[in-house]
Amino acid sequence: MKDPNIEEIRVKGSQLIDRVRDVIEEGSAKRVIIKKEDRVLLEFPLTVGVGGAAAAVLLAPTLAAVGAIAALVTDVEILIERPAADVTILPDDEPPAPTDD
């Protein structure tokens, strides 16, 4: 069964760093996993809510590692884990039972 909080993207090695940078700048991912076939090449956590320039500065060494992987591989899969959505399930509204008055 697929986890609904994990998005899978297949990219070419040349597109890898751009896609990872986009995910980081979005600021909505919890963790990123880069896989080649069934092998995990790189996995790193992200702080939810930190996006844009702050994330790029904090994750510069990680982006350098992603760039090195991009130079060595042709096709990879990026798994993007997002936080679970807060879903509130409300009970169905039932009409009150009739009373004998």
Protein backbone atom coordinates (compact mmCIF):
# COMPACT_ATOMS: atom_id res chain seq x y z
CA MET A 1 0.00 0.00 0.00
CA LYS A 2 1.37 3.40 -0.99
CA ASP A 3 1.78 6.04 1.67
CA PRO A 4 -0.32 9.09 0.71
CA ASN A 5 2.24 11.41 2.33
CA ILE A 6 5.06 10.32 0.00
CA GLU A 7 5.38 11.71 -3.50
CA GLU A 8 7.56 9.83 -6.00
CA ILE A 9 9.27 11.64 -8.87
CA ARG A 10 11.57 10.10 -11.52
CA VAL A 11 14.16 12.50 -12.92
CA LYS A 12 17.29 12.47 -15.04
CA GLY A 13 20.56 13.14 -13.25
CA SER A 14 20.79 16.56 -14.89
CA GLN A 15 17.40 17.58 -13.42
CA LEU A 16 18.09 16.24 -9.93
CA ILE A 17 19.55 19.31 -8.26
CA ASP A 18 16.86 21.61 -9.70
CA ARG A 19 14.03 19.38 -8.45
CA VAL A 20 15.59 18.99 -4.99
CA ARG A 21 16.14 22.75 -4.75
CA ASP A 22 12.48 23.33 -5.72
CA VAL A 23 11.32 20.96 -2.99
CA ILE A 24 13.53 22.67 -0.41
CA GLU A 25 12.33 26.14 -1.41
CA GLU A 26 8.68 25.03 -1.21
CA GLY A 27 9.22 24.39 2.48
CA SER A 28 6.46 21.76 2.70
CA ALA A 29 8.58 18.59 2.74
CA LYS A 30 9.60 16.69 5.85
CA ARG A 31 12.23 14.43 4.30
CA VAL A 32 13.80 13.79 0.89
CA ILE A 33 15.14 10.42 -0.24
CA ILE A 34 17.12 9.95 -3.47
CA LYS A 35 17.11 6.38 -4.79
CA LYS A 36 18.63 4.56 -7.74
CA GLU A 37 16.57 1.43 -8.33
CA ASP A 38 16.23 -0.03 -4.80
CA ARG A 39 19.35 1.60 -3.31
CA VAL A 40 19.08 4.73 -1.20
CA LEU A 41 21.80 7.13 -2.36
CA LEU A 42 20.99 10.04 -0.08
CA GLU A 43 18.39 10.76 2.56
CA PHE A 44 18.04 13.99 4.48
CA PRO A 45 15.43 15.58 6.75
CA LEU A 46 13.99 19.03 6.17
CA THR A 47 12.51 21.45 8.66
CA VAL A 48 8.90 22.09 7.74
CA GLY A 49 8.23 25.76 7.24
CA VAL A 50 11.80 26.76 6.44
CA GLY A 51 11.87 27.57 2.77
CA GLY A 52 13.51 29.91 0.33
CA ALA A 53 16.88 31.49 0.99
CA ALA A 54 17.13 30.28 4.60
CA ALA A 55 16.82 26.65 3.53
CA ALA A 56 19.28 27.11 0.66
CA VAL A 57 21.92 28.47 3.06
CA LEU A 58 21.33 25.81 5.71
CA LEU A 59 21.34 22.97 3.20
CA ALA A 60 24.24 24.12 0.99
CA PRO A 61 26.41 21.08 1.89
CA THR A 62 23.47 18.76 1.16
CA LEU A 63 22.89 20.43 -2.21
CA ALA A 64 26.59 19.94 -3.00
CA ALA A 65 26.18 16.21 -2.28
CA VAL A 66 23.08 16.12 -4.50
CA GLY A 67 25.13 17.76 -7.25
CA ALA A 68 27.84 15.12 -6.92
CA ILE A 69 25.23 12.35 -7.17
CA ALA A 70 23.67 14.06 -10.21
CA ALA A 71 27.03 13.93 -11.98
CA LEU A 72 27.30 10.18 -11.46
CA VAL A 73 23.80 8.87 -12.20
CA THR A 74 21.44 8.95 -15.14
CA ASP A 75 17.98 8.16 -13.79
CA VAL A 76 16.97 8.46 -10.14
CA GLU A 77 13.83 8.52 -8.08
CA ILE A 78 13.11 11.26 -5.56
CA LEU A 79 10.80 10.39 -2.67
CA ILE A 80 9.36 13.44 -0.96
CA GLU A 81 7.80 12.80 2.43
CA ARG A 82 5.32 15.45 3.47
CA PRO A 83 3.74 15.89 6.90
CA ALA A 84 0.40 14.18 7.40
CA ALA A 85 -2.52 16.47 6.69
CA ASP A 86 -4.55 17.50 9.70
CA VAL A 87 -7.93 16.05 8.94
CA THR A 88 -10.76 16.38 11.38
CA ILE A 89 -13.51 13.85 10.93
CA LEU A 90 -16.81 15.09 12.24
CA PRO A 91 -19.66 12.74 13.01
CA ASP A 92 -22.57 12.75 10.60
CA ASP A 93 -25.34 15.08 11.58
CA GLU A 94 -28.30 12.98 12.56
CA PRO A 95 -31.69 14.50 13.10
CA PRO A 96 -32.99 14.12 16.64
CA ALA A 97 -35.14 11.10 17.30
CA PRO A 98 -38.88 11.82 17.28
CA THR A 99 -40.47 12.15 20.68
CA ASP A 100 -44.02 11.23 21.69
CA ASP A 101 -45.29 14.50 23.19
